[in-house]
Every structure is written in C-alpha cells, then in structure tokens.
N, C-alpha and C. Protein backbone atom coordinates (compact mmCIF):
# COMPACT_ATOMS: atom_id res chain seq x y z
N MET A 1 11.81 -171.60 -2.61
CA MET A 1 12.90 -171.61 -1.67
C MET A 1 13.07 -170.21 -1.06
N GLU A 2 13.12 -170.14 0.23
CA GLU A 2 13.22 -168.87 0.95
C GLU A 2 14.66 -168.39 1.00
N ASN A 3 14.86 -167.07 0.80
CA ASN A 3 16.18 -166.48 0.85
C ASN A 3 16.63 -166.38 2.30
N THR A 4 17.71 -167.07 2.67
CA THR A 4 18.22 -167.03 4.04
C THR A 4 19.35 -166.03 4.19
N LEU A 5 19.63 -165.28 3.13
CA LEU A 5 20.67 -164.26 3.20
C LEU A 5 20.12 -163.03 3.91
N PRO A 6 20.99 -162.28 4.58
CA PRO A 6 20.53 -161.08 5.30
C PRO A 6 20.11 -159.97 4.35
N ALA A 7 19.24 -159.12 4.82
CA ALA A 7 18.83 -157.95 4.04
C ALA A 7 20.01 -156.99 3.93
N CYS A 8 19.98 -156.17 2.90
CA CYS A 8 21.06 -155.20 2.68
C CYS A 8 21.13 -154.21 3.84
N PRO A 9 22.31 -154.02 4.44
CA PRO A 9 22.43 -153.07 5.54
C PRO A 9 22.33 -151.61 5.09
N SER A 10 22.48 -151.38 3.80
CA SER A 10 22.43 -150.02 3.27
C SER A 10 21.01 -149.57 2.96
N CYS A 11 20.26 -150.40 2.21
CA CYS A 11 18.91 -149.98 1.80
C CYS A 11 17.80 -150.86 2.35
N GLY A 12 18.14 -152.02 2.94
CA GLY A 12 17.14 -152.90 3.53
C GLY A 12 16.51 -153.89 2.56
N SER A 13 16.98 -153.92 1.33
CA SER A 13 16.41 -154.82 0.32
C SER A 13 16.59 -156.28 0.72
N GLU A 14 15.58 -157.08 0.43
CA GLU A 14 15.62 -158.51 0.75
C GLU A 14 16.24 -159.33 -0.38
N TYR A 15 16.57 -158.71 -1.49
CA TYR A 15 17.00 -159.42 -2.69
C TYR A 15 18.51 -159.56 -2.79
N THR A 16 19.20 -159.74 -1.69
CA THR A 16 20.64 -159.89 -1.71
C THR A 16 21.03 -161.24 -2.30
N TYR A 17 22.23 -161.32 -2.84
CA TYR A 17 22.75 -162.58 -3.36
C TYR A 17 24.24 -162.67 -3.08
N GLU A 18 24.76 -163.91 -3.19
CA GLU A 18 26.18 -164.14 -2.95
C GLU A 18 26.95 -164.09 -4.26
N ASP A 19 28.12 -163.48 -4.22
CA ASP A 19 29.03 -163.45 -5.36
C ASP A 19 30.41 -163.75 -4.81
N GLY A 20 30.79 -165.01 -4.87
CA GLY A 20 32.04 -165.44 -4.24
C GLY A 20 31.90 -165.32 -2.73
N ASN A 21 32.81 -164.57 -2.11
CA ASN A 21 32.71 -164.39 -0.65
C ASN A 21 32.02 -163.08 -0.28
N LEU A 22 31.44 -162.40 -1.26
CA LEU A 22 30.72 -161.14 -1.01
C LEU A 22 29.21 -161.35 -1.03
N LEU A 23 28.53 -160.52 -0.28
CA LEU A 23 27.07 -160.42 -0.38
C LEU A 23 26.81 -159.13 -1.16
N VAL A 24 25.88 -159.18 -2.09
CA VAL A 24 25.64 -158.05 -2.99
C VAL A 24 24.16 -157.70 -2.99
N CYS A 25 23.86 -156.41 -3.03
CA CYS A 25 22.48 -155.93 -3.14
C CYS A 25 22.25 -155.45 -4.57
N PRO A 26 21.31 -156.05 -5.29
CA PRO A 26 21.05 -155.63 -6.66
C PRO A 26 20.31 -154.28 -6.74
N MET A 27 19.73 -153.85 -5.64
CA MET A 27 18.96 -152.61 -5.64
C MET A 27 19.87 -151.37 -5.52
N CYS A 28 20.83 -151.39 -4.59
CA CYS A 28 21.69 -150.22 -4.38
C CYS A 28 23.16 -150.51 -4.69
N HIS A 29 23.47 -151.77 -5.07
CA HIS A 29 24.81 -152.21 -5.46
C HIS A 29 25.81 -152.20 -4.30
N HIS A 30 25.31 -152.23 -3.07
CA HIS A 30 26.18 -152.30 -1.89
C HIS A 30 26.77 -153.71 -1.81
N GLU A 31 28.06 -153.81 -1.48
CA GLU A 31 28.74 -155.10 -1.31
C GLU A 31 29.34 -155.17 0.08
N TRP A 32 29.25 -156.34 0.72
CA TRP A 32 29.82 -156.55 2.04
C TRP A 32 30.10 -158.03 2.23
N THR A 33 30.89 -158.36 3.25
CA THR A 33 31.24 -159.75 3.53
C THR A 33 30.42 -160.28 4.70
N ARG A 34 30.44 -161.58 4.86
CA ARG A 34 29.75 -162.20 6.00
C ARG A 34 30.34 -161.70 7.32
N GLU A 35 31.65 -161.50 7.35
CA GLU A 35 32.30 -161.02 8.57
C GLU A 35 31.79 -159.62 8.93
N GLU A 36 31.64 -158.76 7.92
CA GLU A 36 31.10 -157.42 8.17
C GLU A 36 29.66 -157.52 8.68
N GLU A 37 28.90 -158.46 8.13
CA GLU A 37 27.51 -158.65 8.55
C GLU A 37 27.45 -159.03 10.02
N GLU A 38 28.32 -159.95 10.44
CA GLU A 38 28.35 -160.38 11.84
C GLU A 38 28.76 -159.22 12.75
N GLU A 39 29.72 -158.41 12.32
CA GLU A 39 30.14 -157.24 13.11
C GLU A 39 28.99 -156.25 13.23
N ASN A 40 28.25 -156.04 12.15
CA ASN A 40 27.13 -155.09 12.16
C ASN A 40 26.02 -155.55 13.08
N ILE A 41 25.79 -156.85 13.14
CA ILE A 41 24.75 -157.37 14.03
C ILE A 41 25.09 -157.05 15.48
N GLU A 42 26.37 -157.23 15.84
CA GLU A 42 26.79 -156.98 17.21
C GLU A 42 26.80 -155.49 17.53
N GLU A 43 27.03 -154.64 16.54
CA GLU A 43 27.19 -153.23 16.78
C GLU A 43 25.91 -152.42 16.67
N ASP A 44 24.80 -153.04 16.26
CA ASP A 44 23.55 -152.28 16.11
C ASP A 44 23.16 -151.64 17.43
N VAL A 45 22.88 -150.35 17.38
CA VAL A 45 22.40 -149.62 18.54
C VAL A 45 20.89 -149.51 18.39
N LYS A 46 20.16 -149.95 19.40
CA LYS A 46 18.70 -149.96 19.33
C LYS A 46 18.10 -149.03 20.36
N ASP A 47 16.92 -148.48 20.02
CA ASP A 47 16.22 -147.60 20.96
C ASP A 47 15.45 -148.43 21.98
N ALA A 48 14.63 -147.79 22.77
CA ALA A 48 13.91 -148.45 23.86
C ALA A 48 12.94 -149.53 23.38
N VAL A 49 12.46 -149.43 22.15
CA VAL A 49 11.50 -150.41 21.64
C VAL A 49 12.10 -151.35 20.60
N GLY A 50 13.42 -151.28 20.40
CA GLY A 50 14.09 -152.21 19.52
C GLY A 50 14.36 -151.74 18.10
N ASN A 51 14.03 -150.49 17.78
CA ASN A 51 14.35 -149.96 16.45
C ASN A 51 15.84 -149.69 16.35
N VAL A 52 16.45 -150.05 15.22
CA VAL A 52 17.87 -149.80 15.01
C VAL A 52 18.08 -148.31 14.73
N LEU A 53 19.02 -147.72 15.45
CA LEU A 53 19.32 -146.30 15.28
C LEU A 53 20.51 -146.10 14.35
N SER A 54 20.49 -144.99 13.61
CA SER A 54 21.57 -144.64 12.70
C SER A 54 21.93 -143.18 12.90
N ASP A 55 23.12 -142.81 12.43
CA ASP A 55 23.52 -141.41 12.47
C ASP A 55 22.50 -140.58 11.70
N GLY A 56 22.12 -139.43 12.27
CA GLY A 56 21.19 -138.52 11.61
C GLY A 56 19.73 -138.75 11.94
N ASP A 57 19.40 -139.82 12.68
CA ASP A 57 18.00 -140.09 13.05
C ASP A 57 17.48 -139.01 14.00
N THR A 58 16.15 -138.92 14.03
CA THR A 58 15.46 -138.06 15.00
C THR A 58 14.79 -138.97 16.02
N VAL A 59 14.95 -138.64 17.29
CA VAL A 59 14.38 -139.45 18.37
C VAL A 59 13.64 -138.56 19.35
N THR A 60 12.82 -139.18 20.19
CA THR A 60 12.19 -138.47 21.31
C THR A 60 12.63 -139.13 22.61
N ILE A 61 12.70 -138.33 23.66
CA ILE A 61 13.05 -138.83 24.98
C ILE A 61 11.81 -139.49 25.58
N ILE A 62 11.96 -140.71 26.14
CA ILE A 62 10.78 -141.45 26.61
C ILE A 62 10.47 -141.26 28.09
N LYS A 63 11.38 -140.61 28.84
CA LYS A 63 11.09 -140.32 30.25
C LYS A 63 11.91 -139.11 30.68
N ASP A 64 11.48 -138.42 31.73
CA ASP A 64 12.24 -137.29 32.24
C ASP A 64 13.63 -137.77 32.67
N LEU A 65 14.65 -137.04 32.24
CA LEU A 65 16.03 -137.41 32.58
C LEU A 65 16.69 -136.27 33.33
N LYS A 66 17.18 -136.56 34.53
CA LYS A 66 17.92 -135.57 35.30
C LYS A 66 19.32 -135.48 34.71
N ILE A 67 19.83 -134.25 34.63
CA ILE A 67 21.17 -134.05 34.11
C ILE A 67 22.14 -134.03 35.28
N LYS A 68 23.09 -134.94 35.27
CA LYS A 68 24.05 -135.08 36.36
C LYS A 68 24.81 -133.78 36.58
N GLY A 69 24.88 -133.32 37.81
CA GLY A 69 25.61 -132.11 38.15
C GLY A 69 24.86 -130.83 37.86
N SER A 70 23.56 -130.94 37.60
CA SER A 70 22.75 -129.76 37.26
C SER A 70 21.34 -129.95 37.81
N SER A 71 20.62 -128.86 37.92
CA SER A 71 19.23 -128.96 38.36
C SER A 71 18.28 -129.08 37.17
N ASN A 72 18.83 -129.04 35.94
CA ASN A 72 18.02 -129.15 34.73
C ASN A 72 17.51 -130.57 34.51
N VAL A 73 16.39 -130.67 33.82
CA VAL A 73 15.79 -131.96 33.47
C VAL A 73 15.44 -131.93 31.99
N ILE A 74 15.72 -133.04 31.31
CA ILE A 74 15.27 -133.18 29.93
C ILE A 74 13.89 -133.82 30.02
N LYS A 75 12.89 -133.13 29.54
CA LYS A 75 11.50 -133.58 29.67
C LYS A 75 11.16 -134.70 28.69
N GLN A 76 10.29 -135.60 29.14
CA GLN A 76 9.76 -136.65 28.27
C GLN A 76 9.11 -136.01 27.05
N GLY A 77 9.32 -136.59 25.88
CA GLY A 77 8.72 -136.06 24.66
C GLY A 77 9.59 -135.06 23.93
N THR A 78 10.73 -134.69 24.53
CA THR A 78 11.64 -133.76 23.85
C THR A 78 12.15 -134.41 22.57
N LYS A 79 12.04 -133.69 21.46
CA LYS A 79 12.51 -134.19 20.16
C LYS A 79 13.97 -133.81 19.98
N VAL A 80 14.79 -134.79 19.63
CA VAL A 80 16.21 -134.58 19.41
C VAL A 80 16.53 -134.99 17.98
N LYS A 81 17.01 -134.02 17.19
CA LYS A 81 17.30 -134.28 15.78
C LYS A 81 18.78 -134.57 15.57
N ASN A 82 19.05 -135.30 14.50
CA ASN A 82 20.41 -135.52 14.02
C ASN A 82 21.34 -136.12 15.08
N ILE A 83 20.94 -137.27 15.64
CA ILE A 83 21.79 -137.95 16.62
C ILE A 83 23.03 -138.52 15.92
N ARG A 84 24.05 -138.82 16.72
CA ARG A 84 25.27 -139.44 16.20
C ARG A 84 25.62 -140.60 17.11
N LEU A 85 25.88 -141.77 16.53
CA LEU A 85 26.27 -142.94 17.31
C LEU A 85 27.75 -142.83 17.66
N ILE A 86 28.06 -143.15 18.91
CA ILE A 86 29.45 -143.09 19.39
C ILE A 86 29.78 -144.38 20.13
N ASP A 87 31.07 -144.62 20.36
CA ASP A 87 31.47 -145.76 21.17
C ASP A 87 30.97 -145.52 22.59
N PRO A 88 30.32 -146.52 23.21
CA PRO A 88 29.72 -146.32 24.53
C PRO A 88 30.73 -145.90 25.61
N GLU A 89 30.35 -144.86 26.35
CA GLU A 89 31.09 -144.43 27.54
C GLU A 89 30.09 -144.45 28.68
N ASP A 90 30.27 -145.33 29.64
CA ASP A 90 29.32 -145.51 30.74
C ASP A 90 27.91 -145.79 30.22
N GLY A 91 27.80 -146.48 29.08
CA GLY A 91 26.49 -146.81 28.51
C GLY A 91 25.91 -145.73 27.63
N HIS A 92 26.52 -144.56 27.59
CA HIS A 92 26.05 -143.46 26.76
C HIS A 92 26.56 -143.68 25.35
N ASP A 93 25.66 -144.05 24.42
CA ASP A 93 26.08 -144.40 23.07
C ASP A 93 25.56 -143.45 21.99
N LEU A 94 24.93 -142.35 22.40
CA LEU A 94 24.44 -141.35 21.46
C LEU A 94 25.01 -139.98 21.80
N ASP A 95 25.41 -139.24 20.78
CA ASP A 95 25.86 -137.86 20.95
C ASP A 95 24.84 -137.00 20.22
N CYS A 96 24.36 -135.95 20.88
CA CYS A 96 23.32 -135.13 20.26
C CYS A 96 23.31 -133.73 20.87
N LYS A 97 22.56 -132.86 20.22
CA LYS A 97 22.36 -131.51 20.73
C LYS A 97 20.90 -131.39 21.12
N ILE A 98 20.64 -131.19 22.40
CA ILE A 98 19.27 -131.13 22.91
C ILE A 98 18.83 -129.68 22.97
N PRO A 99 17.69 -129.37 22.35
CA PRO A 99 17.20 -127.98 22.35
C PRO A 99 17.07 -127.43 23.77
N GLY A 100 17.63 -126.25 24.01
CA GLY A 100 17.55 -125.61 25.31
C GLY A 100 18.55 -126.11 26.32
N ILE A 101 19.25 -127.19 26.02
CA ILE A 101 20.23 -127.77 26.94
C ILE A 101 21.63 -127.68 26.36
N GLY A 102 21.80 -128.18 25.14
CA GLY A 102 23.11 -128.16 24.48
C GLY A 102 23.60 -129.55 24.15
N GLN A 103 24.89 -129.64 23.83
CA GLN A 103 25.51 -130.90 23.43
C GLN A 103 25.67 -131.82 24.62
N MET A 104 25.29 -133.11 24.43
CA MET A 104 25.48 -134.10 25.49
C MET A 104 25.34 -135.50 24.94
N ASN A 105 25.72 -136.48 25.76
CA ASN A 105 25.60 -137.89 25.41
C ASN A 105 24.38 -138.47 26.12
N LEU A 106 23.71 -139.39 25.43
CA LEU A 106 22.54 -140.07 25.99
C LEU A 106 22.68 -141.58 25.85
N LYS A 107 21.91 -142.29 26.64
CA LYS A 107 21.82 -143.74 26.49
C LYS A 107 20.65 -144.04 25.54
N SER A 108 20.88 -144.96 24.61
CA SER A 108 19.86 -145.29 23.62
C SER A 108 18.61 -145.90 24.25
N GLU A 109 18.72 -146.45 25.45
CA GLU A 109 17.57 -147.06 26.11
C GLU A 109 16.52 -146.05 26.56
N PHE A 110 16.86 -144.74 26.52
CA PHE A 110 15.94 -143.70 26.94
C PHE A 110 15.36 -142.90 25.78
N VAL A 111 15.53 -143.39 24.57
CA VAL A 111 15.00 -142.69 23.40
C VAL A 111 14.16 -143.63 22.54
N LYS A 112 13.31 -143.02 21.71
CA LYS A 112 12.50 -143.78 20.76
C LYS A 112 12.62 -143.09 19.40
N LYS A 113 12.92 -143.88 18.39
CA LYS A 113 13.08 -143.37 17.03
C LYS A 113 11.74 -142.89 16.49
N ILE A 114 11.78 -141.74 15.79
CA ILE A 114 10.54 -141.20 15.20
C ILE A 114 10.45 -141.69 13.77
C-alpha cells in the first residue's frame, strides 16, 4: 500500500503518519495539521524551474535585470546568498543583498536555486 500522506515539510521524509488530527514525522519529530499542509502548498515560493525556495537559500540570477530608477544592471549568473522570503509586493517575493548593488527585492521567477 502506497503512502498518500505528504512528505514532512521540515526534513522531506516520506515516512509521515497520522496521529489523531496531526501529521507526524518519525525522522525529525515535526508535527503539523492538514490545514497547515494546505496553507504551505499555497504559500510555496518557487524559482524559475520549479524548485521550492526557503529562507537562507543561495540562488543565481537567470537573466540580466535592469534596476528601476538606475542605470545599473544585475548580470545573469550573479550569485545571491541568504535570501529571505517576504509577502509579495508587486510580485517581488524575495528580499536579498546583491553583491555590488545592495539590499533589494527580487521576483522569484528570475532566480534559480543552487
């Protein structure tokens, strides 16, 4: 019989089980509800190729990006470390510090997780 329960959102383990109204991971002991699982599915921020992004990830820019109100450009291939997920403002759902540019918000559709 195949396990139809979702993988653990904390460690990714496939060995989750139900305990009353909770879902439990035997590997990392994380507990969550079905409602939290549904909220997490809707809130997942994905990069340009569909990888789920998390706070602290390192990404690369996939195309040259012009910076609004400036003549500067963020070059394709620029590595950005330690991103932070934020509530979207005009589609910008990542907060990060870009080397040589500084603090700014980016759209997840223009980055790829390393």
